[in-house]
């Protein structure tokens, strides 16, 4: 989420945007997810991802595409396991969900493939994460790919 861009688009100050986001987060209307980092300072500074409290509301407000709705639904199922972060490199490679308390990384795909799992394994292992899975909407028997219904 780009706070500066959002503030200029709606014509309010950055502080006002932060205030609105704080209100929406404290009323559980949306959730802000910080990037994963071994450094607490870097984690606090990083750009946050937004997840809505409900897929119906998210879709109505933003006409969100189906894979983002899937990711939003998965977020709601994994947040019960503790702190949730995401990870993204400057190159653009990312992990949708990192759960540091349980040493788990999850990448959400509508159609999970072996190459998605291999990419995730390289990223996760570089972070010292030993448990990682691609969560797929479509059923796939490949190693490391689990159906979204198992989350």
Protein backbone atom coordinates (compact mmCIF):
# COMPACT_ATOMS: atom_id res chain seq x y z
CA UNK A 1 0.00 0.00 0.00
CA UNK A 2 1.39 3.37 -1.05
CA UNK A 3 0.33 5.88 1.62
CA UNK A 4 1.66 8.91 -0.28
CA UNK A 5 -0.17 7.93 -3.46
CA UNK A 6 -3.35 7.19 -1.55
CA UNK A 7 -3.26 10.50 0.30
CA UNK A 8 -2.80 12.49 -2.92
CA UNK A 9 -5.51 10.49 -4.70
CA UNK A 10 -8.15 11.17 -2.05
CA UNK A 11 -6.87 14.66 -1.24
CA UNK A 12 -5.99 14.30 2.43
CA UNK A 13 -2.75 14.35 4.38
CA UNK A 14 -0.70 11.23 5.05
CA UNK A 15 -1.48 11.58 8.76
CA UNK A 16 -5.19 11.48 7.96
CA UNK A 17 -4.70 8.31 5.89
CA UNK A 18 -2.79 6.72 8.77
CA UNK A 19 -5.59 7.74 11.12
CA UNK A 20 -8.25 6.19 8.84
CA UNK A 21 -6.24 2.99 8.48
CA UNK A 22 -5.75 2.78 12.23
CA UNK A 23 -9.49 3.16 12.77
CA UNK A 24 -10.33 0.50 10.15
CA UNK A 25 -7.76 -1.88 11.62
CA UNK A 26 -8.91 -1.34 15.22
CA UNK A 27 -12.51 -2.02 14.22
CA UNK A 28 -11.41 -5.23 12.43
CA UNK A 29 -12.65 -3.95 9.07
CA UNK A 30 -9.23 -4.57 7.57
CA UNK A 31 -5.91 -6.08 8.56
CA UNK A 32 -2.47 -4.67 7.79
CA UNK A 33 0.28 -7.25 7.32
CA UNK A 34 3.91 -6.21 7.71
CA UNK A 35 6.80 -7.62 5.69
CA UNK A 36 8.88 -10.40 7.21
CA UNK A 37 12.34 -9.44 8.33
CA UNK A 38 14.80 -10.65 10.91
CA UNK A 39 15.16 -6.97 11.90
CA UNK A 40 12.24 -5.46 13.83
CA UNK A 41 13.14 -1.96 12.59
CA UNK A 42 12.91 -3.01 8.95
CA UNK A 43 9.63 -4.81 9.58
CA UNK A 44 8.01 -1.72 11.08
CA UNK A 45 9.17 0.50 8.19
CA UNK A 46 8.06 -1.78 5.37
CA UNK A 47 5.06 -1.34 3.14
CA UNK A 48 2.05 -3.21 4.46
CA UNK A 49 -0.38 -5.46 2.61
CA UNK A 50 -4.10 -5.02 3.22
CA UNK A 51 -6.61 -7.80 3.82
CA UNK A 52 -10.32 -7.12 4.31
CA UNK A 53 -12.49 -8.60 7.03
CA UNK A 54 -14.80 -10.17 4.46
CA UNK A 55 -14.42 -11.22 0.83
CA UNK A 56 -17.89 -9.92 -0.07
CA UNK A 57 -17.06 -6.44 1.20
CA UNK A 58 -13.65 -6.49 -0.47
CA UNK A 59 -15.16 -7.51 -3.78
CA UNK A 60 -17.93 -4.92 -3.54
CA UNK A 61 -15.57 -2.07 -2.69
CA UNK A 62 -12.82 -2.88 -5.12
CA UNK A 63 -14.08 -5.40 -7.65
CA UNK A 64 -11.11 -7.53 -6.72
CA UNK A 65 -9.97 -10.35 -8.99
CA UNK A 66 -10.48 -13.95 -7.90
CA UNK A 67 -6.87 -14.74 -6.95
CA UNK A 68 -6.76 -11.79 -4.55
CA UNK A 69 -10.02 -12.94 -2.99
CA UNK A 70 -8.47 -16.39 -2.60
CA UNK A 71 -5.41 -14.88 -0.90
CA UNK A 72 -7.70 -12.84 1.37
CA UNK A 73 -9.63 -15.99 2.36
CA UNK A 74 -6.41 -17.92 3.06
CA UNK A 75 -5.17 -15.04 5.24
CA UNK A 76 -8.24 -15.38 7.45
CA UNK A 77 -7.56 -19.08 7.87
CA UNK A 78 -3.86 -18.76 8.74
CA UNK A 79 -4.00 -15.78 11.10
CA UNK A 80 -5.30 -18.09 13.83
CA UNK A 81 -1.82 -19.69 13.98
CA UNK A 82 -0.14 -16.51 15.18
CA UNK A 83 1.69 -13.59 13.66
CA UNK A 84 1.45 -13.37 9.87
CA UNK A 85 3.88 -11.53 7.61
CA UNK A 86 4.69 -11.52 3.92
CA UNK A 87 8.09 -11.49 2.27
CA UNK A 88 9.17 -9.73 -0.89
CA UNK A 89 12.56 -9.23 -2.46
CA UNK A 90 13.47 -6.19 -4.51
CA UNK A 91 13.46 -8.46 -7.56
CA UNK A 92 9.74 -9.01 -7.02
CA UNK A 93 9.92 -12.62 -5.78
CA UNK A 94 7.59 -13.01 -2.84
CA UNK A 95 6.04 -15.30 -0.29
CA UNK A 96 2.39 -14.52 0.42
CA UNK A 97 2.43 -15.62 4.06
CA UNK A 98 5.26 -16.18 6.52
CA UNK A 99 4.26 -17.44 9.95
CA UNK A 100 7.47 -16.99 11.96
CA UNK A 101 6.11 -18.50 15.17
CA UNK A 102 5.53 -21.86 13.47
CA UNK A 103 8.36 -21.61 10.89
CA UNK A 104 5.97 -21.82 7.94
CA UNK A 105 5.77 -20.17 4.51
CA UNK A 106 2.73 -20.33 2.21
CA UNK A 107 2.33 -19.21 -1.38
CA UNK A 108 -1.25 -18.99 -2.67
CA UNK A 109 -2.01 -19.91 -6.28
CA UNK A 110 -5.20 -20.69 -8.13
CA UNK A 111 -3.32 -23.40 -9.99
CA UNK A 112 -0.27 -24.49 -8.03
CA UNK A 113 2.53 -26.02 -10.08
CA UNK A 114 5.85 -27.71 -9.37
CA UNK A 115 7.76 -24.60 -10.49
CA UNK A 116 5.82 -22.54 -7.89
CA UNK A 117 6.92 -24.99 -5.20
CA UNK A 118 10.56 -24.89 -6.34
CA UNK A 119 10.56 -21.08 -6.34
CA UNK A 120 8.97 -21.04 -2.87
CA UNK A 121 11.47 -23.58 -1.53
CA UNK A 122 14.41 -21.46 -2.67
CA UNK A 123 13.01 -18.31 -1.05
CA UNK A 124 11.90 -20.03 2.16
CA UNK A 125 15.17 -21.87 2.66
CA UNK A 126 17.14 -18.66 2.12
CA UNK A 127 15.18 -17.24 5.08
CA UNK A 128 15.75 -20.31 7.24
CA UNK A 129 12.14 -21.47 6.93
CA UNK A 130 11.91 -25.25 6.77
CA UNK A 131 8.15 -25.75 6.29
CA UNK A 132 6.65 -24.39 3.09
CA UNK A 133 3.71 -25.18 0.86
CA UNK A 134 1.94 -23.86 -2.18
CA UNK A 135 -1.76 -23.52 -1.40
CA UNK A 136 -3.72 -24.28 -4.56
CA UNK A 137 -7.37 -23.78 -5.41
CA UNK A 138 -7.09 -26.55 -8.01
CA UNK A 139 -6.22 -30.01 -6.74
CA UNK A 140 -2.68 -31.17 -7.54
CA UNK A 141 -0.78 -34.24 -6.34
CA UNK A 142 2.68 -32.65 -6.71
CA UNK A 143 4.93 -32.60 -3.63
CA UNK A 144 4.48 -29.50 -1.47
CA UNK A 145 1.17 -28.43 -3.02
CA UNK A 146 -1.85 -28.58 -0.75
CA UNK A 147 -5.48 -27.84 -1.55
CA UNK A 148 -6.92 -24.65 -0.11
CA UNK A 149 -9.51 -26.75 1.73
CA UNK A 150 -6.70 -28.11 3.94
CA UNK A 151 -5.90 -24.70 5.38
